[in-house]
Protein backbone atom coordinates (compact mmCIF):
# COMPACT_ATOMS: atom_id res chain seq x y z
CA GLN A 1 -114.77 133.76 167.29
CA VAL A 2 -117.63 135.66 166.25
CA GLN A 3 -121.22 134.49 165.71
CA LEU A 4 -123.57 136.07 163.68
CA VAL A 5 -127.40 135.26 163.31
CA GLU A 6 -129.72 136.89 160.80
CA SER A 7 -133.32 137.25 161.22
CA GLY A 8 -136.10 139.16 159.31
CA GLY A 9 -136.24 137.35 156.03
CA GLY A 10 -139.55 136.19 154.53
CA LEU A 11 -141.89 136.49 151.59
CA VAL A 12 -143.01 140.10 150.25
CA GLN A 13 -144.85 141.35 147.39
CA ALA A 14 -142.99 143.37 144.83
CA GLY A 15 -142.74 147.10 146.00
CA GLY A 16 -142.86 145.96 149.62
CA SER A 17 -140.35 146.32 152.42
CA LEU A 18 -138.25 144.06 154.79
CA ARG A 19 -135.93 144.73 157.62
CA LEU A 20 -133.03 142.36 158.12
CA SER A 21 -131.26 142.27 161.29
CA CYS A 22 -127.90 140.52 162.22
CA ALA A 23 -127.14 139.89 166.00
CA ALA A 24 -123.28 139.54 166.59
CA SER A 25 -121.55 137.99 169.45
CA GLY A 26 -118.09 137.49 170.19
CA ARG A 27 -115.05 139.70 171.26
CA THR A 28 -114.73 141.48 167.71
CA SER A 29 -118.44 141.92 167.52
CA SER A 30 -118.19 145.95 168.00
CA SER A 31 -114.93 146.44 166.31
CA SER A 32 -115.19 145.33 162.83
CA ALA A 33 -116.71 146.32 159.48
CA MET A 34 -119.87 144.53 158.78
CA GLY A 35 -121.56 143.74 155.37
CA TRP A 36 -124.58 142.08 153.71
CA PHE A 37 -124.27 139.81 150.90
CA ARG A 38 -126.86 137.78 148.96
CA GLN A 39 -126.85 134.56 146.69
CA ALA A 40 -129.76 133.72 144.42
CA PRO A 41 -130.19 130.00 143.09
CA GLY A 42 -127.44 129.39 140.43
CA LYS A 43 -125.60 132.77 141.02
CA GLU A 44 -122.49 133.51 142.80
CA ARG A 45 -122.59 135.38 146.25
CA GLU A 46 -122.73 139.19 145.70
CA PHE A 47 -121.99 142.10 147.78
CA VAL A 48 -125.20 144.24 148.80
CA ALA A 49 -124.02 146.73 151.54
CA GLY A 50 -121.29 147.31 153.94
CA ILE A 51 -120.87 149.59 156.91
CA SER A 52 -117.53 150.73 158.63
CA TYR A 53 -117.02 150.19 162.33
CA SER A 54 -118.11 153.74 163.32
CA GLY A 55 -120.96 153.69 160.99
CA ASP A 56 -119.84 156.65 159.05
CA VAL A 57 -118.98 155.12 155.90
CA THR A 58 -121.53 152.94 154.02
CA TYR A 59 -121.07 151.09 150.60
CA TYR A 60 -123.99 149.82 148.33
CA ALA A 61 -124.23 147.65 145.27
CA ASP A 62 -125.49 149.61 142.32
CA SER A 63 -128.38 147.54 142.11
CA VAL A 64 -129.76 148.38 145.51
CA LYS A 65 -128.60 151.83 145.95
CA GLY A 66 -131.51 154.23 146.82
CA ARG A 67 -133.73 151.40 147.86
CA PHE A 68 -131.68 149.62 150.76
CA THR A 69 -130.08 151.32 153.98
CA ILE A 70 -127.57 149.50 156.11
CA SER A 71 -127.10 150.77 159.67
CA ARG A 72 -125.64 149.62 162.89
CA ASP A 73 -126.11 149.81 166.59
CA ASN A 74 -122.81 148.98 168.23
CA ALA A 75 -124.27 149.12 171.83
CA LYS A 76 -126.45 146.20 170.77
CA ASN A 77 -123.94 144.49 168.52
CA THR A 78 -126.65 144.56 165.57
CA VAL A 79 -126.47 145.41 162.00
CA HIS A 80 -129.71 146.15 160.10
CA LEU A 81 -130.57 146.01 156.16
CA GLN A 82 -133.62 148.09 155.43
CA MET A 83 -135.11 147.06 152.06
CA ASN A 84 -137.57 149.24 150.32
CA SER A 85 -139.15 148.92 146.91
CA LEU A 86 -138.15 145.32 146.80
CA LYS A 87 -138.20 143.64 143.34
CA SER A 88 -138.43 140.03 142.16
CA GLU A 89 -134.69 140.08 141.28
CA ASP A 90 -133.82 140.71 145.16
CA THR A 91 -134.95 137.31 145.81
CA ALA A 92 -131.84 135.49 147.37
CA VAL A 93 -130.59 134.21 150.49
CA TYR A 94 -129.11 137.18 152.39
CA TYR A 95 -126.04 136.67 154.48
CA CYS A 96 -124.54 139.01 157.35
CA ALA A 97 -120.71 138.98 157.32
CA ALA A 98 -118.23 140.63 159.57
CA ARG A 99 -114.26 141.49 159.04
CA ALA A 100 -111.99 140.67 161.94
CA PHE A 101 -110.19 143.56 163.56
CA ALA A 102 -110.94 145.60 160.55
CA TYR A 103 -112.59 148.93 160.70
CA ALA A 104 -112.89 149.77 156.92
CA VAL A 105 -115.75 148.59 154.58
CA ALA A 106 -114.89 145.91 151.92
CA ARG A 107 -116.74 144.73 148.90
CA ALA A 108 -115.23 141.41 148.22
CA HIS A 109 -116.54 138.43 150.09
CA TYR A 110 -112.96 137.16 150.79
CA ASP A 111 -112.33 140.03 153.00
CA TYR A 112 -114.85 138.97 155.36
CA ASP A 113 -113.96 136.53 158.17
CA TYR A 114 -117.33 135.37 159.65
CA TRP A 115 -120.60 134.64 158.14
CA GLY A 116 -124.24 133.94 159.48
CA GLN A 117 -126.19 131.18 158.25
CA GLY A 118 -128.44 133.29 156.06
CA THR A 119 -131.96 134.32 155.82
CA GLN A 120 -134.30 133.80 152.81
CA VAL A 121 -135.74 136.75 151.06
CA THR A 122 -138.46 135.97 148.51
CA VAL A 123 -140.10 138.75 146.54
CA SER A 124 -143.15 137.81 144.41
CA SER A 125 -144.20 139.83 141.37
């Protein structure tokens, strides 16, 4: 089993920045691709960013490309999402996700096996 705990969410003004963190524990925590998803009220959960096990491959949703950066520190079993130039449409609950024994990045939520409880990000305009 893998446990994921997100932190770093909060309220920020448009144009501001937040850094989300995801702490992973369990025997697959350092050997799997990771991702961030978000879900706004009344909308489906959507892919935001993903990173391979080695960290050399990253994918981003078009809506966040150039503004968000995903990174990982396998020694600390953590994944981060640096969010800059935040917009009101970025408001959502953000979820950290991990694939089980899979090194490649994936964009579909069904490719991820473990999920955190989510952290709220609210961007005021």
